[in-house]
Structure formats: C-alpha cells, structure tokens
C-alpha atoms as a PDB file:
ATOM      1  CA  MET A   1       4.400   8.057  -0.795  1.00  0.00           C
ATOM      2  CA  GLY A   2       7.945   9.248  -1.172  1.00  0.00           C
ATOM      3  CA  ILE A   3       6.713  12.331  -2.987  1.00  0.00           C
ATOM      4  CA  GLU A   4       4.222  13.010  -0.197  1.00  0.00           C
ATOM      5  CA  ILE A   5       6.838  12.590   2.514  1.00  0.00           C
ATOM      6  CA  TYR A   6       9.858  14.308   0.999  1.00  0.00           C
ATOM      7  CA  VAL A   7       8.628  16.747  -1.648  1.00  0.00           C
ATOM      8  CA  LEU A   8       5.392  18.031  -0.113  1.00  0.00           C
ATOM      9  CA  PRO A   9       7.047  19.716   2.893  1.00  0.00           C
ATOM     10  CA  LYS A  10       9.443  21.569   0.584  1.00  0.00           C
ATOM     11  CA  TYR A  11       6.658  22.911  -1.660  1.00  0.00           C
ATOM     12  CA  PRO A  12       3.608  23.537   0.551  1.00  0.00           C
ATOM     13  CA  PHE A  13       2.038  25.896  -1.986  1.00  0.00           C
ATOM     14  CA  PHE A  14       1.676  23.025  -4.464  1.00  0.00           C
ATOM     15  CA  SER A  15       0.122  20.634  -1.956  1.00  0.00           C
ATOM     16  CA  THR A  16      -3.163  20.225  -3.839  1.00  0.00           C
ATOM     17  CA  GLN A  17      -1.465  19.470  -7.146  1.00  0.00           C
ATOM     18  CA  LEU A  18       1.057  17.097  -5.582  1.00  0.00           C
ATOM     19  CA  LEU A  19      -1.596  15.215  -3.617  1.00  0.00           C
ATOM     20  CA  CYS A  20      -3.779  14.866  -6.727  1.00  0.00           C
ATOM     21  CA  ALA A  21      -0.837  13.552  -8.743  1.00  0.00           C
ATOM     22  CA  THR A  22       0.181  11.043  -6.077  1.00  0.00           C
ATOM     23  CA  THR A  23      -3.406   9.838  -5.712  1.00  0.00           C
ATOM     24  CA  VAL A  24      -3.635   9.226  -9.461  1.00  0.00           C
ATOM     25  CA  ILE A  25      -0.353   7.315  -9.362  1.00  0.00           C
ATOM     26  CA  LYS A  26      -1.573   5.199  -6.410  1.00  0.00           C
ATOM     27  CA  SER A  27      -4.813   4.353  -8.236  1.00  0.00           C
ATOM     28  CA  ILE A  28      -2.909   3.266 -11.362  1.00  0.00           C
ATOM     29  CA  VAL A  29      -0.685   1.046  -9.240  1.00  0.00           C
ATOM     30  CA  GLY A  30      -3.749  -0.403  -7.508  1.00  0.00           C
ATOM     31  CA  VAL A  31      -5.450  -1.282 -10.790  1.00  0.00           C
ATOM     32  CA  ALA A  32      -2.287  -2.848 -12.178  1.00  0.00           C
ATOM     33  CA  GLY A  33      -1.734  -4.790  -8.965  1.00  0.00           C
ATOM     34  CA  GLY A  34      -5.301  -6.090  -8.939  1.00  0.00           C
ATOM     35  CA  ALA A  35      -5.057  -7.253 -12.533  1.00  0.00           C
ATOM     36  CA  THR A  36      -1.730  -8.935 -11.855  1.00  0.00           C
ATOM     37  CA  ARG A  37      -3.101 -10.640  -8.758  1.00  0.00           C
ATOM     38  CA  ALA A  38      -6.081 -12.011 -10.693  1.00  0.00           C
ATOM     39  CA  ALA A  39      -3.821 -13.381 -13.423  1.00  0.00           C
ATOM     40  CA  LEU A  40      -1.434 -14.993 -10.947  1.00  0.00           C
ATOM     41  CA  THR A  41      -4.280 -16.498  -8.933  1.00  0.00           C
ATOM     42  CA  GLN A  42      -5.774 -17.985 -12.077  1.00  0.00           C
ATOM     43  CA  HIS A  43      -2.359 -19.345 -13.039  1.00  0.00           C
ATOM     44  CA  HIS A  44      -1.851 -21.047  -9.662  1.00  0.00           C
ATOM     45  CA  ALA A  45      -5.327 -22.591  -9.634  1.00  0.00           C
ATOM     46  CA  ILE A  46      -4.518 -25.735 -11.619  1.00  0.00           C
ATOM     47  CA  ARG A  47      -7.378 -28.024 -10.614  1.00  0.00           C
ATOM     48  CA  GLY A  48     -10.383 -25.738 -10.674  1.00  0.00           C
ATOM     49  CA  ASN A  49      -9.657 -24.486  -7.170  1.00  0.00           C
ATOM     50  CA  LEU A  50      -9.610 -20.785  -7.984  1.00  0.00           C
ATOM     51  CA  ALA A  51     -11.762 -19.894  -4.967  1.00  0.00           C
ATOM     52  CA  ASP A  52      -9.497 -21.827  -2.590  1.00  0.00           C
ATOM     53  CA  VAL A  53      -6.365 -20.161  -3.925  1.00  0.00           C
ATOM     54  CA  ALA A  54      -7.986 -16.716  -3.822  1.00  0.00           C
ATOM     55  CA  SER A  55      -9.205 -17.179  -0.231  1.00  0.00           C
ATOM     56  CA  LYS A  56      -5.782 -18.367   0.934  1.00  0.00           C
ATOM     57  CA  ASP A  57      -4.151 -15.401  -0.777  1.00  0.00           C
ATOM     58  CA  SER A  58      -6.633 -13.059   0.883  1.00  0.00           C
ATOM     59  CA  SER A  59      -6.055 -14.508   4.356  1.00  0.00           C
ATOM     60  CA  GLN A  60      -2.282 -14.274   3.930  1.00  0.00           C
ATOM     61  CA  GLU A  61      -2.602 -10.671   2.794  1.00  0.00           C
ATOM     62  CA  THR A  62      -4.736  -9.848   5.841  1.00  0.00           C
ATOM     63  CA  PHE A  63      -2.155 -11.434   8.133  1.00  0.00           C
ATOM     64  CA  VAL A  64       0.707  -9.504   6.543  1.00  0.00           C
ATOM     65  CA  ASN A  65      -1.231  -6.226   6.809  1.00  0.00           C
ATOM     66  CA  LEU A  66      -1.931  -6.912  10.489  1.00  0.00           C
ATOM     67  CA  ILE A  67       1.738  -7.575  11.230  1.00  0.00           C
ATOM     68  CA  ALA A  68       2.749  -4.471   9.263  1.00  0.00           C
ATOM     69  CA  SER A  69       0.284  -2.387  11.282  1.00  0.00           C
ATOM     70  CA  PHE A  70       1.823  -3.609  14.541  1.00  0.00           C
ATOM     71  CA  ILE A  71       5.323  -2.904  13.284  1.00  0.00           C
ATOM     72  CA  GLY A  72       4.249   0.559  12.158  1.00  0.00           C
ATOM     73  CA  LEU A  73       2.742   1.334  15.551  1.00  0.00           C
ATOM     74  CA  TYR A  74       5.908   0.106  17.256  1.00  0.00           C
ATOM     75  CA  MET A  75       8.062   2.298  15.013  1.00  0.00           C
ATOM     76  CA  LEU A  76       5.853   5.301  15.750  1.00  0.00           C
ATOM     77  CA  THR A  77       6.372   4.819  19.466  1.00  0.00           C
ATOM     78  CA  LEU A  78      10.135   4.735  18.889  1.00  0.00           C
ATOM     79  CA  ILE A  79      10.199   8.028  17.012  1.00  0.00           C
ATOM     80  CA  LYS A  80       7.433   9.859  18.896  1.00  0.00           C
ATOM     81  CA  SER A  81       9.923  12.207  20.512  1.00  0.00           C
ATOM     82  CA  GLN A  82      11.049  13.564  17.153  1.00  0.00           C
ATOM     83  CA  ARG A  83       8.797  16.285  15.805  1.00  0.00           C
ATOM     84  CA  LEU A  84       8.370  17.077  12.138  1.00  0.00           C
ATOM     85  CA  VAL A  85       7.764  20.723  11.335  1.00  0.00           C
ATOM     86  CA  PHE A  86       6.162  21.569   8.013  1.00  0.00           C
END
C-alpha cells in the first residue's frame, strides 16, 4: 500500500506495472497470513474445539475490521479539505 500511495503518483506512466506488482505482493501476504492463521488456530485448539476457536477468531476479526472502518471514515472527514493532485 505504501508503494501505491507514495510511488505511484511520482511515476504515473508505470501505473499498470506497479499495480500488478503490488497486487501480487498482497496476494502472497494473504496466502501466508491464511496459512499462519490456520496453524495458530490449530495450535490453540487443545481440546478438540477447533471450530469454537476459529469462530471466536472470526468474530473478533470482524469486530476489529468494523472499528477500523469507522476510524478510517472519521480520519477521512478530518482530512477532506486537503486535496491530493496526481
């Protein structure tokens, strides 16, 4: 995301290449994160309660994403007067 925010405006002629590269990097991170999450969930499920641990993890993740969305919207309202020119 840093590449998309800081580098892309400086090199608009390479936007397709940069966006493809950042998308590949995001997908690699997503696969690694999913594999890590599955391993950690299995590790924490000590009494055959893998489904319970996974559902609790999922509900906590949903809650955190909801709070982050509200914070992001609040921050956007704070900086709405600033305009970014590409």
